[in-house]
Amino acid sequence: MKKLWLVFISARLGLFALFLTIFLLLGFEGIYSAIIAGVLALAISLVFLQKQRDALSAEIYKRNKRDKFSGVPDQDADVENSILDSKEDNK
């Protein structure tokens, strides 16, 4: 899973750095270059990095689904359930 994160984040940061460098070399001011580079990097990553984003999303979903249904004991939930059960018994 870490590999997917690294690929996706490095691709997005690379796009941002590329556009930022181009706009700075063209003579735009720093803040305007950063804003334009951020918008362009976001737009291009939404269109062209869809495969990486979908793979990362699927991995996150699998991990959360596995943890939710694997029967791993959750101590906080057990404490909350016992408190709620004791309140219902008092009624």
N, C-alpha and C. Protein backbone atom coordinates (compact mmCIF):
# COMPACT_ATOMS: atom_id res chain seq x y z
N MET A 1 0.82 -1.19 0.00
CA MET A 1 0.00 0.00 0.00
C MET A 1 0.87 1.25 0.00
N LYS A 2 1.99 1.21 0.68
CA LYS A 2 2.85 2.39 0.72
C LYS A 2 3.35 2.74 -0.68
N LYS A 3 3.55 1.75 -1.50
CA LYS A 3 4.03 2.02 -2.84
C LYS A 3 2.99 2.83 -3.61
N LEU A 4 1.71 2.49 -3.47
CA LEU A 4 0.67 3.23 -4.17
C LEU A 4 0.62 4.68 -3.71
N TRP A 5 0.75 4.89 -2.40
CA TRP A 5 0.78 6.26 -1.87
C TRP A 5 1.95 7.04 -2.46
N LEU A 6 3.11 6.39 -2.47
CA LEU A 6 4.30 7.08 -2.96
C LEU A 6 4.18 7.44 -4.43
N VAL A 7 3.65 6.54 -5.24
CA VAL A 7 3.49 6.81 -6.67
C VAL A 7 2.52 7.96 -6.88
N PHE A 8 1.39 7.91 -6.23
CA PHE A 8 0.36 8.93 -6.44
C PHE A 8 0.82 10.30 -5.95
N ILE A 9 1.36 10.35 -4.75
CA ILE A 9 1.79 11.64 -4.20
C ILE A 9 2.98 12.21 -4.97
N SER A 10 3.93 11.35 -5.34
CA SER A 10 5.07 11.87 -6.08
C SER A 10 4.67 12.35 -7.48
N ALA A 11 3.70 11.70 -8.10
CA ALA A 11 3.23 12.16 -9.40
C ALA A 11 2.55 13.53 -9.28
N ARG A 12 1.73 13.70 -8.26
CA ARG A 12 1.05 14.99 -8.08
C ARG A 12 2.04 16.09 -7.73
N LEU A 13 2.98 15.79 -6.85
CA LEU A 13 3.99 16.79 -6.50
C LEU A 13 4.90 17.11 -7.69
N GLY A 14 5.17 16.10 -8.48
CA GLY A 14 5.98 16.32 -9.68
C GLY A 14 5.29 17.23 -10.67
N LEU A 15 3.99 17.03 -10.86
CA LEU A 15 3.23 17.93 -11.74
C LEU A 15 3.24 19.36 -11.22
N PHE A 16 3.03 19.49 -9.92
CA PHE A 16 3.04 20.82 -9.32
C PHE A 16 4.39 21.49 -9.50
N ALA A 17 5.46 20.75 -9.22
CA ALA A 17 6.81 21.32 -9.35
C ALA A 17 7.12 21.69 -10.79
N LEU A 18 6.68 20.87 -11.72
CA LEU A 18 6.92 21.16 -13.13
C LEU A 18 6.23 22.46 -13.55
N PHE A 19 4.94 22.57 -13.21
CA PHE A 19 4.21 23.78 -13.58
C PHE A 19 4.74 25.01 -12.84
N LEU A 20 5.09 24.85 -11.59
CA LEU A 20 5.64 25.97 -10.83
C LEU A 20 6.94 26.47 -11.46
N THR A 21 7.80 25.55 -11.82
CA THR A 21 9.06 25.93 -12.46
C THR A 21 8.82 26.64 -13.78
N ILE A 22 7.89 26.12 -14.57
CA ILE A 22 7.61 26.74 -15.87
C ILE A 22 7.11 28.17 -15.68
N PHE A 23 6.16 28.36 -14.77
CA PHE A 23 5.60 29.70 -14.58
C PHE A 23 6.61 30.67 -13.96
N LEU A 24 7.45 30.17 -13.09
CA LEU A 24 8.49 31.04 -12.54
C LEU A 24 9.50 31.45 -13.60
N LEU A 25 9.84 30.53 -14.50
CA LEU A 25 10.76 30.85 -15.58
C LEU A 25 10.14 31.82 -16.59
N LEU A 26 8.81 31.77 -16.71
CA LEU A 26 8.13 32.70 -17.61
C LEU A 26 8.01 34.09 -17.01
N GLY A 27 8.33 34.24 -15.73
CA GLY A 27 8.35 35.56 -15.12
C GLY A 27 7.11 35.92 -14.30
N PHE A 28 6.27 34.95 -14.00
CA PHE A 28 5.13 35.22 -13.13
C PHE A 28 5.63 35.41 -11.69
N GLU A 29 4.85 36.12 -10.90
CA GLU A 29 5.20 36.25 -9.48
C GLU A 29 5.01 34.92 -8.78
N GLY A 30 5.67 34.77 -7.63
CA GLY A 30 5.68 33.49 -6.92
C GLY A 30 4.31 33.00 -6.51
N ILE A 31 3.50 33.88 -5.91
CA ILE A 31 2.19 33.43 -5.42
C ILE A 31 1.26 33.06 -6.56
N TYR A 32 1.32 33.84 -7.64
CA TYR A 32 0.47 33.52 -8.79
C TYR A 32 0.93 32.23 -9.47
N SER A 33 2.22 32.05 -9.52
CA SER A 33 2.76 30.81 -10.09
C SER A 33 2.31 29.61 -9.28
N ALA A 34 2.34 29.72 -7.96
CA ALA A 34 1.94 28.61 -7.10
C ALA A 34 0.45 28.31 -7.25
N ILE A 35 -0.37 29.34 -7.33
CA ILE A 35 -1.81 29.12 -7.48
C ILE A 35 -2.13 28.47 -8.81
N ILE A 36 -1.56 29.01 -9.88
CA ILE A 36 -1.82 28.44 -11.21
C ILE A 36 -1.28 27.03 -11.31
N ALA A 37 -0.09 26.80 -10.78
CA ALA A 37 0.50 25.46 -10.80
C ALA A 37 -0.35 24.48 -10.01
N GLY A 38 -0.87 24.91 -8.87
CA GLY A 38 -1.72 24.03 -8.07
C GLY A 38 -3.00 23.66 -8.78
N VAL A 39 -3.63 24.63 -9.42
CA VAL A 39 -4.87 24.36 -10.14
C VAL A 39 -4.62 23.44 -11.33
N LEU A 40 -3.58 23.72 -12.09
CA LEU A 40 -3.27 22.87 -13.24
C LEU A 40 -2.87 21.46 -12.82
N ALA A 41 -2.08 21.34 -11.77
CA ALA A 41 -1.67 20.02 -11.30
C ALA A 41 -2.88 19.22 -10.81
N LEU A 42 -3.81 19.89 -10.13
CA LEU A 42 -5.02 19.21 -9.67
C LEU A 42 -5.85 18.73 -10.85
N ALA A 43 -6.07 19.61 -11.83
CA ALA A 43 -6.88 19.26 -12.99
C ALA A 43 -6.27 18.11 -13.78
N ILE A 44 -4.98 18.18 -14.01
CA ILE A 44 -4.32 17.12 -14.78
C ILE A 44 -4.28 15.81 -14.00
N SER A 45 -4.08 15.89 -12.70
CA SER A 45 -4.06 14.66 -11.92
C SER A 45 -5.44 14.01 -11.87
N LEU A 46 -6.50 14.80 -11.87
CA LEU A 46 -7.84 14.23 -11.90
C LEU A 46 -8.12 13.49 -13.20
N VAL A 47 -7.57 13.97 -14.27
CA VAL A 47 -7.82 13.34 -15.58
C VAL A 47 -6.84 12.20 -15.85
N PHE A 48 -5.56 12.43 -15.65
CA PHE A 48 -4.56 11.47 -16.10
C PHE A 48 -4.08 10.49 -15.03
N LEU A 49 -4.34 10.76 -13.78
CA LEU A 49 -3.90 9.84 -12.72
C LEU A 49 -5.07 9.05 -12.14
N GLN A 50 -6.08 8.84 -12.96
CA GLN A 50 -7.27 8.13 -12.49
C GLN A 50 -6.96 6.68 -12.12
N LYS A 51 -6.09 6.02 -12.88
CA LYS A 51 -5.76 4.63 -12.60
C LYS A 51 -5.07 4.50 -11.24
N GLN A 52 -4.13 5.38 -10.95
CA GLN A 52 -3.44 5.34 -9.66
C GLN A 52 -4.39 5.68 -8.52
N ARG A 53 -5.26 6.66 -8.74
CA ARG A 53 -6.21 7.05 -7.70
C ARG A 53 -7.19 5.93 -7.41
N ASP A 54 -7.67 5.24 -8.45
CA ASP A 54 -8.59 4.12 -8.25
C ASP A 54 -7.92 2.95 -7.53
N ALA A 55 -6.67 2.67 -7.88
CA ALA A 55 -5.95 1.59 -7.20
C ALA A 55 -5.73 1.92 -5.73
N LEU A 56 -5.38 3.15 -5.44
CA LEU A 56 -5.19 3.57 -4.06
C LEU A 56 -6.50 3.52 -3.29
N SER A 57 -7.56 3.96 -3.92
CA SER A 57 -8.88 3.91 -3.28
C SER A 57 -9.31 2.48 -2.99
N ALA A 58 -9.06 1.57 -3.93
CA ALA A 58 -9.41 0.16 -3.72
C ALA A 58 -8.62 -0.44 -2.56
N GLU A 59 -7.35 -0.10 -2.45
CA GLU A 59 -6.54 -0.60 -1.34
C GLU A 59 -7.04 -0.08 0.00
N ILE A 60 -7.39 1.19 0.05
CA ILE A 60 -7.92 1.76 1.29
C ILE A 60 -9.23 1.09 1.66
N TYR A 61 -10.08 0.86 0.67
CA TYR A 61 -11.36 0.20 0.92
C TYR A 61 -11.15 -1.22 1.44
N LYS A 62 -10.24 -1.96 0.80
CA LYS A 62 -9.97 -3.34 1.25
C LYS A 62 -9.45 -3.36 2.68
N ARG A 63 -8.56 -2.43 3.00
CA ARG A 63 -8.00 -2.40 4.35
C ARG A 63 -9.06 -2.07 5.39
N ASN A 64 -9.91 -1.09 5.10
CA ASN A 64 -10.95 -0.72 6.05
C ASN A 64 -12.01 -1.80 6.17
N LYS A 65 -12.34 -2.44 5.07
CA LYS A 65 -13.32 -3.52 5.11
C LYS A 65 -12.77 -4.70 5.89
N ARG A 66 -11.50 -5.00 5.68
CA ARG A 66 -10.87 -6.12 6.40
C ARG A 66 -10.87 -5.85 7.90
N ASP A 67 -10.49 -4.65 8.30
CA ASP A 67 -10.44 -4.34 9.72
C ASP A 67 -11.83 -4.34 10.34
N LYS A 68 -12.83 -3.94 9.58
CA LYS A 68 -14.18 -3.84 10.11
C LYS A 68 -14.79 -5.22 10.36
N PHE A 69 -14.51 -6.18 9.49
CA PHE A 69 -15.16 -7.47 9.57
C PHE A 69 -14.24 -8.61 9.98
N SER A 70 -13.00 -8.31 10.34
CA SER A 70 -12.06 -9.38 10.65
C SER A 70 -12.20 -9.89 12.07
N GLY A 71 -12.97 -9.22 12.88
CA GLY A 71 -13.13 -9.67 14.25
C GLY A 71 -12.01 -9.22 15.17
N VAL A 72 -11.27 -8.23 14.76
CA VAL A 72 -10.20 -7.70 15.60
C VAL A 72 -10.86 -7.00 16.78
N PRO A 73 -10.48 -7.35 18.00
CA PRO A 73 -11.13 -6.73 19.16
C PRO A 73 -10.84 -5.24 19.24
N ASP A 74 -11.88 -4.50 19.45
CA ASP A 74 -11.77 -3.05 19.59
C ASP A 74 -12.13 -2.70 21.02
N GLN A 75 -11.15 -2.36 21.83
CA GLN A 75 -11.38 -2.14 23.25
C GLN A 75 -12.28 -0.94 23.51
N ASP A 76 -12.12 0.11 22.72
CA ASP A 76 -12.96 1.29 22.91
C ASP A 76 -14.43 0.96 22.67
N ALA A 77 -14.69 0.22 21.61
CA ALA A 77 -16.08 -0.14 21.31
C ALA A 77 -16.65 -1.03 22.41
N ASP A 78 -15.85 -1.93 22.96
CA ASP A 78 -16.33 -2.79 24.04
C ASP A 78 -16.70 -1.98 25.27
N VAL A 79 -15.89 -0.99 25.61
CA VAL A 79 -16.18 -0.14 26.76
C VAL A 79 -17.45 0.67 26.52
N GLU A 80 -17.57 1.24 25.33
CA GLU A 80 -18.77 2.02 25.00
C GLU A 80 -20.02 1.14 25.04
N ASN A 81 -19.91 -0.06 24.52
CA ASN A 81 -21.06 -0.96 24.53
C ASN A 81 -21.46 -1.35 25.94
N SER A 82 -20.48 -1.58 26.80
CA SER A 82 -20.82 -1.95 28.18
C SER A 82 -21.48 -0.78 28.91
N ILE A 83 -21.03 0.45 28.64
CA ILE A 83 -21.65 1.63 29.25
C ILE A 83 -23.08 1.77 28.77
N LEU A 84 -23.28 1.62 27.47
CA LEU A 84 -24.64 1.74 26.93
C LEU A 84 -25.54 0.63 27.44
N ASP A 85 -25.00 -0.59 27.56
CA ASP A 85 -25.80 -1.69 28.09
C ASP A 85 -26.20 -1.45 29.53
N SER A 86 -25.29 -0.91 30.33
CA SER A 86 -25.61 -0.65 31.73
C SER A 86 -26.66 0.46 31.86
N LYS A 87 -26.64 1.44 30.98
CA LYS A 87 -27.65 2.50 30.99
C LYS A 87 -29.01 1.94 30.63
N GLU A 88 -29.05 1.00 29.67
CA GLU A 88 -30.33 0.40 29.26
C GLU A 88 -30.87 -0.47 30.38
N ASP A 89 -30.01 -1.13 31.13
CA ASP A 89 -30.46 -1.97 32.25
C ASP A 89 -31.05 -1.14 33.37
N ASN A 90 -30.57 0.09 33.55
CA ASN A 90 -31.06 0.96 34.62
C ASN A 90 -32.43 1.54 34.32
N LYS A 91 -32.83 1.53 33.08
CA LYS A 91 -34.14 2.13 32.71
C LYS A 91 -35.28 1.27 33.08
